[in-house]
Amino acid sequence: MTHLDWLLNPVTFYSGASICLLVSLALFVNIKLEMTRARAAAETAQVVKEGDELAVRGMKAEIERLRESVTRLEEARPAAQLPGGGINLTKRAQVLRMHRRGEPVSSIAAALETPAHEIALLLKVHAITNQRESKAG
């Protein structure tokens, strides 16, 4: 029985208790550190989430503004720019009359709500046909 006497020694008991206390203390500190890290990660995630929500709200507002802008543009689009539109005989006469008065192409286009390139084309065609008529006549 002498080889088990060290178990009954008070030094063995106190050292075992000290080791258990130190391990418990280390585990307690480790748990506190993990909780602090988890709390910090949750706060960071919350800040990121709030930032994302703010960005999403901003994008939704911008999309809504763009929709309103497109709607306004579609409603305000002149009839001459619609497919199948163009210059009818009345507009043609107005273009030629305004051109004879010396008004610039941009002014004529704005007044008649017709693209400037269509006005320029009409004036070129009119000039070519007048040249042919004067040569033939």
N, C-alpha and C. Protein backbone atom coordinates (compact mmCIF):
# COMPACT_ATOMS: atom_id res chain seq x y z
N MET A 1 0.78 -1.18 0.00
CA MET A 1 0.00 0.00 0.00
C MET A 1 0.84 1.27 0.00
N THR A 2 2.03 1.16 0.10
CA THR A 2 2.91 2.32 0.18
C THR A 2 3.01 3.07 -1.13
N HIS A 3 2.79 2.40 -2.20
CA HIS A 3 2.93 3.10 -3.47
C HIS A 3 1.69 3.97 -3.75
N LEU A 4 0.59 3.90 -2.99
CA LEU A 4 -0.58 4.75 -3.14
C LEU A 4 -0.66 5.82 -2.05
N ASP A 5 0.33 5.94 -1.23
CA ASP A 5 0.33 6.94 -0.15
C ASP A 5 0.38 8.37 -0.70
N TRP A 6 0.93 8.58 -1.83
CA TRP A 6 1.03 9.94 -2.39
C TRP A 6 -0.34 10.54 -2.69
N LEU A 7 -1.39 9.65 -2.90
CA LEU A 7 -2.73 10.13 -3.13
C LEU A 7 -3.31 10.82 -1.90
N LEU A 8 -2.93 10.38 -0.73
CA LEU A 8 -3.45 10.95 0.51
C LEU A 8 -2.66 12.16 0.98
N ASN A 9 -1.59 12.49 0.31
CA ASN A 9 -0.75 13.62 0.68
C ASN A 9 -1.51 14.91 0.35
N PRO A 10 -1.54 15.90 1.26
CA PRO A 10 -2.25 17.17 1.03
C PRO A 10 -1.69 17.97 -0.16
N VAL A 11 -0.42 17.83 -0.47
CA VAL A 11 0.18 18.55 -1.60
C VAL A 11 -0.48 18.07 -2.90
N THR A 12 -0.72 16.79 -3.01
CA THR A 12 -1.36 16.25 -4.19
C THR A 12 -2.78 16.81 -4.33
N PHE A 13 -3.49 16.85 -3.24
CA PHE A 13 -4.85 17.37 -3.24
C PHE A 13 -4.88 18.84 -3.67
N TYR A 14 -3.99 19.66 -3.04
CA TYR A 14 -3.97 21.10 -3.37
C TYR A 14 -3.48 21.36 -4.79
N SER A 15 -2.52 20.58 -5.27
CA SER A 15 -2.07 20.78 -6.65
C SER A 15 -3.17 20.39 -7.63
N GLY A 16 -3.89 19.32 -7.39
CA GLY A 16 -5.00 18.94 -8.26
C GLY A 16 -6.09 20.00 -8.26
N ALA A 17 -6.39 20.52 -7.07
CA ALA A 17 -7.40 21.58 -6.97
C ALA A 17 -6.93 22.84 -7.69
N SER A 18 -5.65 23.17 -7.57
CA SER A 18 -5.10 24.36 -8.25
C SER A 18 -5.17 24.20 -9.77
N ILE A 19 -4.82 23.00 -10.24
CA ILE A 19 -4.88 22.75 -11.69
C ILE A 19 -6.31 22.89 -12.18
N CYS A 20 -7.27 22.32 -11.46
CA CYS A 20 -8.68 22.43 -11.85
C CYS A 20 -9.14 23.88 -11.84
N LEU A 21 -8.69 24.64 -10.84
CA LEU A 21 -9.05 26.06 -10.75
C LEU A 21 -8.47 26.85 -11.93
N LEU A 22 -7.20 26.58 -12.27
CA LEU A 22 -6.56 27.28 -13.39
C LEU A 22 -7.23 26.93 -14.72
N VAL A 23 -7.57 25.65 -14.90
CA VAL A 23 -8.25 25.24 -16.14
C VAL A 23 -9.62 25.92 -16.22
N SER A 24 -10.35 25.97 -15.11
CA SER A 24 -11.65 26.63 -15.08
C SER A 24 -11.52 28.11 -15.39
N LEU A 25 -10.50 28.75 -14.82
CA LEU A 25 -10.26 30.16 -15.07
C LEU A 25 -9.91 30.41 -16.54
N ALA A 26 -9.09 29.55 -17.11
CA ALA A 26 -8.72 29.68 -18.52
C ALA A 26 -9.96 29.51 -19.41
N LEU A 27 -10.81 28.54 -19.11
CA LEU A 27 -12.03 28.34 -19.88
C LEU A 27 -12.97 29.55 -19.75
N PHE A 28 -13.07 30.10 -18.55
CA PHE A 28 -13.91 31.27 -18.32
C PHE A 28 -13.43 32.47 -19.15
N VAL A 29 -12.12 32.70 -19.13
CA VAL A 29 -11.55 33.81 -19.90
C VAL A 29 -11.75 33.57 -21.39
N ASN A 30 -11.56 32.33 -21.83
CA ASN A 30 -11.75 32.00 -23.24
C ASN A 30 -13.20 32.24 -23.67
N ILE A 31 -14.15 31.86 -22.84
CA ILE A 31 -15.57 32.07 -23.16
C ILE A 31 -15.87 33.56 -23.24
N LYS A 32 -15.32 34.35 -22.32
CA LYS A 32 -15.52 35.80 -22.34
C LYS A 32 -14.96 36.41 -23.63
N LEU A 33 -13.77 35.98 -24.05
CA LEU A 33 -13.17 36.48 -25.29
C LEU A 33 -14.02 36.11 -26.51
N GLU A 34 -14.50 34.88 -26.54
CA GLU A 34 -15.35 34.44 -27.65
C GLU A 34 -16.65 35.24 -27.70
N MET A 35 -17.22 35.51 -26.53
CA MET A 35 -18.45 36.30 -26.49
C MET A 35 -18.20 37.73 -26.99
N THR A 36 -17.04 38.29 -26.62
CA THR A 36 -16.69 39.63 -27.09
C THR A 36 -16.51 39.65 -28.60
N ARG A 37 -15.83 38.64 -29.13
CA ARG A 37 -15.64 38.55 -30.58
C ARG A 37 -16.99 38.37 -31.29
N ALA A 38 -17.85 37.54 -30.75
CA ALA A 38 -19.16 37.31 -31.36
C ALA A 38 -20.00 38.59 -31.33
N ARG A 39 -19.95 39.31 -30.23
CA ARG A 39 -20.69 40.56 -30.12
C ARG A 39 -20.17 41.58 -31.13
N ALA A 40 -18.84 41.67 -31.27
CA ALA A 40 -18.25 42.59 -32.24
C ALA A 40 -18.63 42.20 -33.66
N ALA A 41 -18.62 40.91 -33.95
CA ALA A 41 -19.00 40.44 -35.28
C ALA A 41 -20.47 40.75 -35.55
N ALA A 42 -21.33 40.59 -34.55
CA ALA A 42 -22.75 40.89 -34.72
C ALA A 42 -22.96 42.39 -34.95
N GLU A 43 -22.23 43.22 -34.23
CA GLU A 43 -22.34 44.67 -34.43
C GLU A 43 -21.85 45.06 -35.82
N THR A 44 -20.76 44.45 -36.25
CA THR A 44 -20.26 44.72 -37.60
C THR A 44 -21.27 44.28 -38.64
N ALA A 45 -21.85 43.11 -38.44
CA ALA A 45 -22.86 42.62 -39.38
C ALA A 45 -24.07 43.55 -39.40
N GLN A 46 -24.44 44.08 -38.25
CA GLN A 46 -25.58 45.00 -38.17
C GLN A 46 -25.27 46.30 -38.92
N VAL A 47 -24.06 46.81 -38.76
CA VAL A 47 -23.66 48.03 -39.46
C VAL A 47 -23.66 47.78 -40.97
N VAL A 48 -23.13 46.64 -41.38
CA VAL A 48 -23.10 46.31 -42.81
C VAL A 48 -24.53 46.17 -43.33
N LYS A 49 -25.39 45.52 -42.55
CA LYS A 49 -26.78 45.34 -42.96
C LYS A 49 -27.48 46.68 -43.10
N GLU A 50 -27.25 47.59 -42.15
CA GLU A 50 -27.86 48.92 -42.22
C GLU A 50 -27.34 49.68 -43.43
N GLY A 51 -26.04 49.55 -43.71
CA GLY A 51 -25.46 50.19 -44.90
C GLY A 51 -26.06 49.64 -46.18
N ASP A 52 -26.23 48.32 -46.22
CA ASP A 52 -26.83 47.69 -47.39
C ASP A 52 -28.28 48.13 -47.57
N GLU A 53 -29.02 48.21 -46.46
CA GLU A 53 -30.40 48.64 -46.53
C GLU A 53 -30.49 50.08 -47.01
N LEU A 54 -29.58 50.92 -46.56
CA LEU A 54 -29.55 52.31 -47.00
C LEU A 54 -29.25 52.38 -48.50
N ALA A 55 -28.30 51.58 -48.94
CA ALA A 55 -27.97 51.57 -50.37
C ALA A 55 -29.15 51.07 -51.20
N VAL A 56 -29.83 50.05 -50.72
CA VAL A 56 -30.99 49.51 -51.44
C VAL A 56 -32.10 50.56 -51.51
N ARG A 57 -32.34 51.27 -50.38
CA ARG A 57 -33.35 52.33 -50.39
C ARG A 57 -32.99 53.41 -51.40
N GLY A 58 -31.71 53.77 -51.44
CA GLY A 58 -31.26 54.79 -52.39
C GLY A 58 -31.46 54.33 -53.83
N MET A 59 -31.13 53.06 -54.09
CA MET A 59 -31.31 52.53 -55.44
C MET A 59 -32.79 52.47 -55.82
N LYS A 60 -33.65 52.09 -54.87
CA LYS A 60 -35.08 52.06 -55.16
C LYS A 60 -35.60 53.45 -55.49
N ALA A 61 -35.14 54.44 -54.73
CA ALA A 61 -35.56 55.82 -55.00
C ALA A 61 -35.06 56.27 -56.36
N GLU A 62 -33.84 55.93 -56.72
CA GLU A 62 -33.29 56.30 -58.02
C GLU A 62 -34.06 55.61 -59.15
N ILE A 63 -34.40 54.34 -58.97
CA ILE A 63 -35.18 53.62 -59.98
C ILE A 63 -36.55 54.27 -60.14
N GLU A 64 -37.15 54.66 -59.03
CA GLU A 64 -38.47 55.32 -59.11
C GLU A 64 -38.37 56.65 -59.85
N ARG A 65 -37.30 57.42 -59.57
CA ARG A 65 -37.11 58.69 -60.28
C ARG A 65 -36.91 58.44 -61.79
N LEU A 66 -36.15 57.40 -62.12
CA LEU A 66 -35.94 57.08 -63.52
C LEU A 66 -37.24 56.66 -64.20
N ARG A 67 -38.06 55.89 -63.50
CA ARG A 67 -39.36 55.48 -64.06
C ARG A 67 -40.22 56.71 -64.34
N GLU A 68 -40.26 57.63 -63.37
CA GLU A 68 -41.05 58.85 -63.56
C GLU A 68 -40.51 59.66 -64.73
N SER A 69 -39.19 59.73 -64.84
CA SER A 69 -38.58 60.47 -65.94
C SER A 69 -38.93 59.84 -67.28
N VAL A 70 -38.85 58.53 -67.36
CA VAL A 70 -39.18 57.83 -68.61
C VAL A 70 -40.66 58.05 -68.95
N THR A 71 -41.51 57.99 -67.94
CA THR A 71 -42.94 58.21 -68.17
C THR A 71 -43.18 59.61 -68.70
N ARG A 72 -42.54 60.61 -68.08
CA ARG A 72 -42.70 61.99 -68.54
C ARG A 72 -42.18 62.14 -69.98
N LEU A 73 -41.04 61.52 -70.28
CA LEU A 73 -40.49 61.62 -71.63
C LEU A 73 -41.40 60.95 -72.65
N GLU A 74 -41.97 59.81 -72.29
CA GLU A 74 -42.87 59.13 -73.22
C GLU A 74 -44.13 59.95 -73.46
N GLU A 75 -44.63 60.60 -72.41
CA GLU A 75 -45.82 61.42 -72.57
C GLU A 75 -45.52 62.69 -73.37
N ALA A 76 -44.31 63.22 -73.24
CA ALA A 76 -43.97 64.48 -73.89
C ALA A 76 -43.38 64.30 -75.28
N ARG A 77 -43.19 63.08 -75.72
CA ARG A 77 -42.57 62.84 -77.02
C ARG A 77 -43.46 63.39 -78.12
N PRO A 78 -42.91 64.22 -78.98
CA PRO A 78 -43.74 64.81 -80.05
C PRO A 78 -44.22 63.75 -81.03
N ALA A 79 -45.35 64.05 -81.66
CA ALA A 79 -45.95 63.09 -82.60
C ALA A 79 -45.06 62.87 -83.81
N ALA A 80 -44.24 63.85 -84.17
CA ALA A 80 -43.39 63.70 -85.35
C ALA A 80 -42.32 62.64 -85.14
N GLN A 81 -41.97 62.33 -83.90
CA GLN A 81 -40.94 61.34 -83.64
C GLN A 81 -41.50 59.94 -83.50
N LEU A 82 -42.80 59.81 -83.51
CA LEU A 82 -43.40 58.49 -83.41
C LEU A 82 -43.19 57.74 -84.72
N PRO A 83 -43.09 56.42 -84.67
CA PRO A 83 -42.93 55.67 -85.92
C PRO A 83 -44.11 55.94 -86.84
N GLY A 84 -43.82 56.15 -88.13
CA GLY A 84 -44.88 56.44 -89.08
C GLY A 84 -45.20 57.92 -89.14
N GLY A 85 -44.54 58.72 -88.28
CA GLY A 85 -44.75 60.16 -88.30
C GLY A 85 -44.03 60.73 -89.50
N GLY A 86 -43.47 61.88 -89.36
CA GLY A 86 -42.72 62.47 -90.44
C GLY A 86 -43.31 63.81 -90.80
N ILE A 87 -42.94 64.30 -91.95
CA ILE A 87 -43.39 65.62 -92.36
C ILE A 87 -44.52 65.46 -93.37
N ASN A 88 -45.69 66.00 -93.02
CA ASN A 88 -46.81 65.97 -93.96
C ASN A 88 -46.76 67.24 -94.81
N LEU A 89 -47.72 67.40 -95.70
CA LEU A 89 -47.69 68.53 -96.63
C LEU A 89 -47.82 69.87 -95.91
N THR A 90 -48.59 69.92 -94.85
CA THR A 90 -48.75 71.17 -94.11
C THR A 90 -47.43 71.58 -93.47
N LYS A 91 -46.80 70.64 -92.83
CA LYS A 91 -45.50 70.94 -92.21
C LYS A 91 -44.47 71.30 -93.26
N ARG A 92 -44.53 70.64 -94.39
CA ARG A 92 -43.58 70.93 -95.48
C ARG A 92 -43.74 72.38 -95.92
N ALA A 93 -44.97 72.80 -96.09
CA ALA A 93 -45.22 74.19 -96.50
C ALA A 93 -44.73 75.16 -95.43
N GLN A 94 -44.96 74.81 -94.16
CA GLN A 94 -44.50 75.69 -93.07
C GLN A 94 -42.97 75.77 -93.06
N VAL A 95 -42.30 74.64 -93.28
CA VAL A 95 -40.84 74.61 -93.29
C VAL A 95 -40.32 75.52 -94.40
N LEU A 96 -40.87 75.39 -95.59
CA LEU A 96 -40.40 76.19 -96.73
C LEU A 96 -40.67 77.68 -96.50
N ARG A 97 -41.83 78.00 -95.94
CA ARG A 97 -42.16 79.38 -95.66
C ARG A 97 -41.19 79.98 -94.64
N MET A 98 -40.91 79.23 -93.56
CA MET A 98 -40.00 79.71 -92.52
C MET A 98 -38.58 79.83 -93.08
N HIS A 99 -38.19 78.90 -93.95
CA HIS A 99 -36.85 78.95 -94.54
C HIS A 99 -36.70 80.18 -95.44
N ARG A 100 -37.76 80.50 -96.21
CA ARG A 100 -37.72 81.70 -97.06
C ARG A 100 -37.60 82.96 -96.23
N ARG A 101 -38.15 82.95 -95.01
CA ARG A 101 -38.03 84.10 -94.12
C ARG A 101 -36.63 84.22 -93.52
N GLY A 102 -35.81 83.17 -93.70
CA GLY A 102 -34.43 83.22 -93.22
C GLY A 102 -34.22 82.61 -91.84
N GLU A 103 -35.17 81.86 -91.36
CA GLU A 103 -35.01 81.24 -90.04
C GLU A 103 -34.06 80.05 -90.14
N PRO A 104 -33.22 79.82 -89.12
CA PRO A 104 -32.29 78.69 -89.15
C PRO A 104 -33.02 77.36 -88.96
N VAL A 105 -32.35 76.29 -89.37
CA VAL A 105 -32.92 74.94 -89.30
C VAL A 105 -33.30 74.56 -87.87
N SER A 106 -32.44 74.91 -86.91
CA SER A 106 -32.72 74.55 -85.51
C SER A 106 -33.98 75.24 -85.01
N SER A 107 -34.21 76.47 -85.42
CA SER A 107 -35.40 77.21 -85.01
C SER A 107 -36.65 76.60 -85.64
N ILE A 108 -36.54 76.23 -86.90
CA ILE A 108 -37.68 75.61 -87.60
C ILE A 108 -38.02 74.27 -86.94
N ALA A 109 -36.99 73.48 -86.64
CA ALA A 109 -37.21 72.16 -86.02
C ALA A 109 -37.87 72.31 -84.66
N ALA A 110 -37.43 73.28 -83.88
CA ALA A 110 -38.02 73.48 -82.55
C ALA A 110 -39.46 73.95 -82.66
N ALA A 111 -39.75 74.83 -83.58
CA ALA A 111 -41.10 75.36 -83.72
C ALA A 111 -42.08 74.30 -84.18
N LEU A 112 -41.64 73.42 -85.05
CA LEU A 112 -42.53 72.40 -85.60
C LEU A 112 -42.42 71.06 -84.90
N GLU A 113 -41.58 71.00 -83.87
CA GLU A 113 -41.37 69.76 -83.10
C GLU A 113 -41.02 68.58 -84.03
N THR A 114 -40.06 68.85 -84.89
CA THR A 114 -39.60 67.87 -85.87
C THR A 114 -38.08 67.79 -85.76
N PRO A 115 -37.49 66.63 -85.91
CA PRO A 115 -36.03 66.53 -85.83
C PRO A 115 -35.35 67.42 -86.86
N ALA A 116 -34.25 68.03 -86.46
CA ALA A 116 -33.52 68.97 -87.33
C ALA A 116 -33.01 68.27 -88.59
N HIS A 117 -32.62 67.01 -88.49
CA HIS A 117 -32.11 66.30 -89.67
C HIS A 117 -33.20 66.12 -90.72
N GLU A 118 -34.47 65.98 -90.29
CA GLU A 118 -35.56 65.87 -91.26
C GLU A 118 -35.78 67.21 -91.97
N ILE A 119 -35.68 68.30 -91.22
CA ILE A 119 -35.84 69.63 -91.81
C ILE A 119 -34.72 69.88 -92.83
N ALA A 120 -33.48 69.55 -92.45
CA ALA A 120 -32.33 69.75 -93.35
C ALA A 120 -32.50 68.92 -94.61
N LEU A 121 -32.95 67.68 -94.45
CA LEU A 121 -33.17 66.82 -95.61
C LEU A 121 -34.24 67.39 -96.53
N LEU A 122 -35.34 67.85 -95.96
CA LEU A 122 -36.41 68.45 -96.75
C LEU A 122 -35.89 69.66 -97.53
N LEU A 123 -35.10 70.51 -96.90
CA LEU A 123 -34.56 71.69 -97.58
C LEU A 123 -33.59 71.31 -98.69
N LYS A 124 -32.78 70.26 -98.47
CA LYS A 124 -31.86 69.80 -99.52
C LYS A 124 -32.63 69.25 -100.72
N VAL A 125 -33.64 68.44 -100.45
CA VAL A 125 -34.46 67.88 -101.53
C VAL A 125 -35.15 69.00 -102.29
N HIS A 126 -35.67 69.98 -101.55
CA HIS A 126 -36.35 71.12 -102.20
C HIS A 126 -35.37 71.90 -103.08
N ALA A 127 -34.13 72.12 -102.59
CA ALA A 127 -33.13 72.84 -103.38
C ALA A 127 -32.77 72.06 -104.64
N ILE A 128 -32.62 70.74 -104.54
CA ILE A 128 -32.29 69.91 -105.70
C ILE A 128 -33.42 69.95 -106.72
N THR A 129 -34.64 69.83 -106.27
CA THR A 129 -35.78 69.86 -107.21
C THR A 129 -35.92 71.24 -107.85
N ASN A 130 -35.64 72.31 -107.13
CA ASN A 130 -35.70 73.66 -107.71
C ASN A 130 -34.62 73.83 -108.77
N GLN A 131 -33.44 73.26 -108.54
CA GLN A 131 -32.36 73.36 -109.53
C GLN A 131 -32.75 72.64 -110.82
N ARG A 132 -33.35 71.47 -110.68
CA ARG A 132 -33.76 70.68 -111.85
C ARG A 132 -34.87 71.41 -112.62
N GLU A 133 -35.80 72.01 -111.86
CA GLU A 133 -36.90 72.73 -112.51
C GLU A 133 -36.39 73.95 -113.26
N SER A 134 -35.41 74.66 -112.66
CA SER A 134 -34.89 75.87 -113.32
C SER A 134 -34.09 75.50 -114.56
N LYS A 135 -33.38 74.37 -114.54
CA LYS A 135 -32.61 73.92 -115.71
C LYS A 135 -33.55 73.43 -116.80
N ALA A 136 -34.62 72.78 -116.39
CA ALA A 136 -35.57 72.23 -117.37
C ALA A 136 -36.42 73.34 -117.96
N GLY A 137 -36.75 74.39 -117.20
CA GLY A 137 -37.65 75.45 -117.63
C GLY A 137 -36.95 76.54 -118.30
